[in-house]
Amino acid sequence: MDYIYLAASLMIGLGALGTGIGFALLGGKMLEATARQPEMGAELQTKTFIMAGLLDAVPMIGVGIAMYLIFVVAG
């Protein structure tokens, strides 16, 4: 068995799992903060979208490295 494919699949899978957990925590905290201070809803939403973009960047880097492993190193 070639361990490069296993490593690539773990990178993609765990990156997706971590992103899902991160989005759940981020969304929950935003709802809590908006419920406590409704007048700050627009500012909180803006900051949440910025954090969501940063949160999405991490698994995309993992996917890029995994594709490199699959197509360049193993190929």
C-alpha atoms as a PDB file:
ATOM      1  CA  MET A   1       0.000   0.000   0.000  1.00  0.00           C
ATOM      2  CA  ASP A   2       1.256   3.405  -0.888  1.00  0.00           C
ATOM      3  CA  TYR A   3       1.182   5.625   2.197  1.00  0.00           C
ATOM      4  CA  ILE A   4       1.153   8.839   0.165  1.00  0.00           C
ATOM      5  CA  TYR A   5      -2.492   8.279  -0.765  1.00  0.00           C
ATOM      6  CA  LEU A   6      -3.371   7.599   2.868  1.00  0.00           C
ATOM      7  CA  ALA A   7      -1.585  10.778   3.948  1.00  0.00           C
ATOM      8  CA  ALA A   8      -3.358  12.841   1.280  1.00  0.00           C
ATOM      9  CA  SER A   9      -6.777  11.475   2.213  1.00  0.00           C
ATOM     10  CA  LEU A  10      -6.144  12.177   5.892  1.00  0.00           C
ATOM     11  CA  MET A  11      -5.069  15.729   5.088  1.00  0.00           C
ATOM     12  CA  ILE A  12      -8.235  16.407   3.116  1.00  0.00           C
ATOM     13  CA  GLY A  13     -10.576  14.601   5.524  1.00  0.00           C
ATOM     14  CA  LEU A  14      -9.228  16.096   8.729  1.00  0.00           C
ATOM     15  CA  GLY A  15      -9.088  19.531   7.119  1.00  0.00           C
ATOM     16  CA  ALA A  16     -12.778  19.241   6.243  1.00  0.00           C
ATOM     17  CA  LEU A  17     -13.616  18.014   9.735  1.00  0.00           C
ATOM     18  CA  GLY A  18     -11.726  20.866  11.363  1.00  0.00           C
ATOM     19  CA  THR A  19     -13.389  23.406   9.112  1.00  0.00           C
ATOM     20  CA  GLY A  20     -16.825  22.042   9.932  1.00  0.00           C
ATOM     21  CA  ILE A  21     -16.142  22.286  13.657  1.00  0.00           C
ATOM     22  CA  GLY A  22     -14.713  25.780  13.206  1.00  0.00           C
ATOM     23  CA  PHE A  23     -17.750  27.012  11.281  1.00  0.00           C
ATOM     24  CA  ALA A  24     -20.082  25.539  13.899  1.00  0.00           C
ATOM     25  CA  LEU A  25     -18.265  27.318  16.720  1.00  0.00           C
ATOM     26  CA  LEU A  26     -18.015  30.552  14.746  1.00  0.00           C
ATOM     27  CA  GLY A  27     -21.710  30.585  13.866  1.00  0.00           C
ATOM     28  CA  GLY A  28     -22.781  29.707  17.389  1.00  0.00           C
ATOM     29  CA  LYS A  29     -20.677  32.438  18.953  1.00  0.00           C
ATOM     30  CA  MET A  30     -21.945  34.972  16.445  1.00  0.00           C
ATOM     31  CA  LEU A  31     -25.555  34.117  17.270  1.00  0.00           C
ATOM     32  CA  GLU A  32     -24.840  34.370  20.995  1.00  0.00           C
ATOM     33  CA  ALA A  33     -23.155  37.750  20.600  1.00  0.00           C
ATOM     34  CA  THR A  34     -25.941  39.072  18.375  1.00  0.00           C
ATOM     35  CA  ALA A  35     -28.566  37.923  20.874  1.00  0.00           C
ATOM     36  CA  ARG A  36     -26.772  39.761  23.668  1.00  0.00           C
ATOM     37  CA  GLN A  37     -26.180  42.990  21.731  1.00  0.00           C
ATOM     38  CA  PRO A  38     -28.505  43.271  18.718  1.00  0.00           C
ATOM     39  CA  GLU A  39     -27.260  46.753  17.841  1.00  0.00           C
ATOM     40  CA  MET A  40     -23.834  45.303  16.957  1.00  0.00           C
ATOM     41  CA  GLY A  41     -25.284  42.736  14.546  1.00  0.00           C
ATOM     42  CA  ALA A  42     -23.907  44.308  11.355  1.00  0.00           C
ATOM     43  CA  GLU A  43     -20.390  44.694  12.767  1.00  0.00           C
ATOM     44  CA  LEU A  44     -20.400  41.137  14.108  1.00  0.00           C
ATOM     45  CA  GLN A  45     -21.600  39.803  10.772  1.00  0.00           C
ATOM     46  CA  THR A  46     -18.766  41.558   8.944  1.00  0.00           C
ATOM     47  CA  LYS A  47     -16.171  40.170  11.328  1.00  0.00           C
ATOM     48  CA  THR A  48     -17.728  36.707  11.062  1.00  0.00           C
ATOM     49  CA  PHE A  49     -17.461  36.750   7.265  1.00  0.00           C
ATOM     50  CA  ILE A  50     -13.810  37.796   7.463  1.00  0.00           C
ATOM     51  CA  MET A  51     -13.103  34.956   9.896  1.00  0.00           C
ATOM     52  CA  ALA A  52     -15.009  32.515   7.668  1.00  0.00           C
ATOM     53  CA  GLY A  53     -12.766  33.435   4.752  1.00  0.00           C
ATOM     54  CA  LEU A  54      -9.672  32.866   6.854  1.00  0.00           C
ATOM     55  CA  LEU A  55     -11.109  29.613   8.156  1.00  0.00           C
ATOM     56  CA  ASP A  56     -11.635  28.390   4.593  1.00  0.00           C
ATOM     57  CA  ALA A  57      -8.031  29.110   3.624  1.00  0.00           C
ATOM     58  CA  VAL A  58      -6.523  26.444   5.880  1.00  0.00           C
ATOM     59  CA  PRO A  59      -8.184  23.354   4.306  1.00  0.00           C
ATOM     60  CA  MET A  60      -7.552  24.735   0.815  1.00  0.00           C
ATOM     61  CA  ILE A  61      -3.840  24.770   1.598  1.00  0.00           C
ATOM     62  CA  GLY A  62      -4.194  21.173   2.807  1.00  0.00           C
ATOM     63  CA  VAL A  63      -5.960  20.190  -0.418  1.00  0.00           C
ATOM     64  CA  GLY A  64      -3.189  21.825  -2.434  1.00  0.00           C
ATOM     65  CA  ILE A  65      -0.495  19.924  -0.563  1.00  0.00           C
ATOM     66  CA  ALA A  66      -2.489  16.683  -0.881  1.00  0.00           C
ATOM     67  CA  MET A  67      -2.814  17.152  -4.652  1.00  0.00           C
ATOM     68  CA  TYR A  68       0.907  17.804  -4.824  1.00  0.00           C
ATOM     69  CA  LEU A  69       1.553  14.550  -2.997  1.00  0.00           C
ATOM     70  CA  ILE A  70      -0.808  12.568  -5.217  1.00  0.00           C
ATOM     71  CA  PHE A  71       0.192  13.925  -8.622  1.00  0.00           C
ATOM     72  CA  VAL A  72       3.844  14.872  -8.193  1.00  0.00           C
ATOM     73  CA  VAL A  73       5.350  12.721  -5.466  1.00  0.00           C
ATOM     74  CA  ALA A  74       3.369   9.516  -6.075  1.00  0.00           C
ATOM     75  CA  GLY A  75       3.042  10.007  -9.836  1.00  0.00           C
END
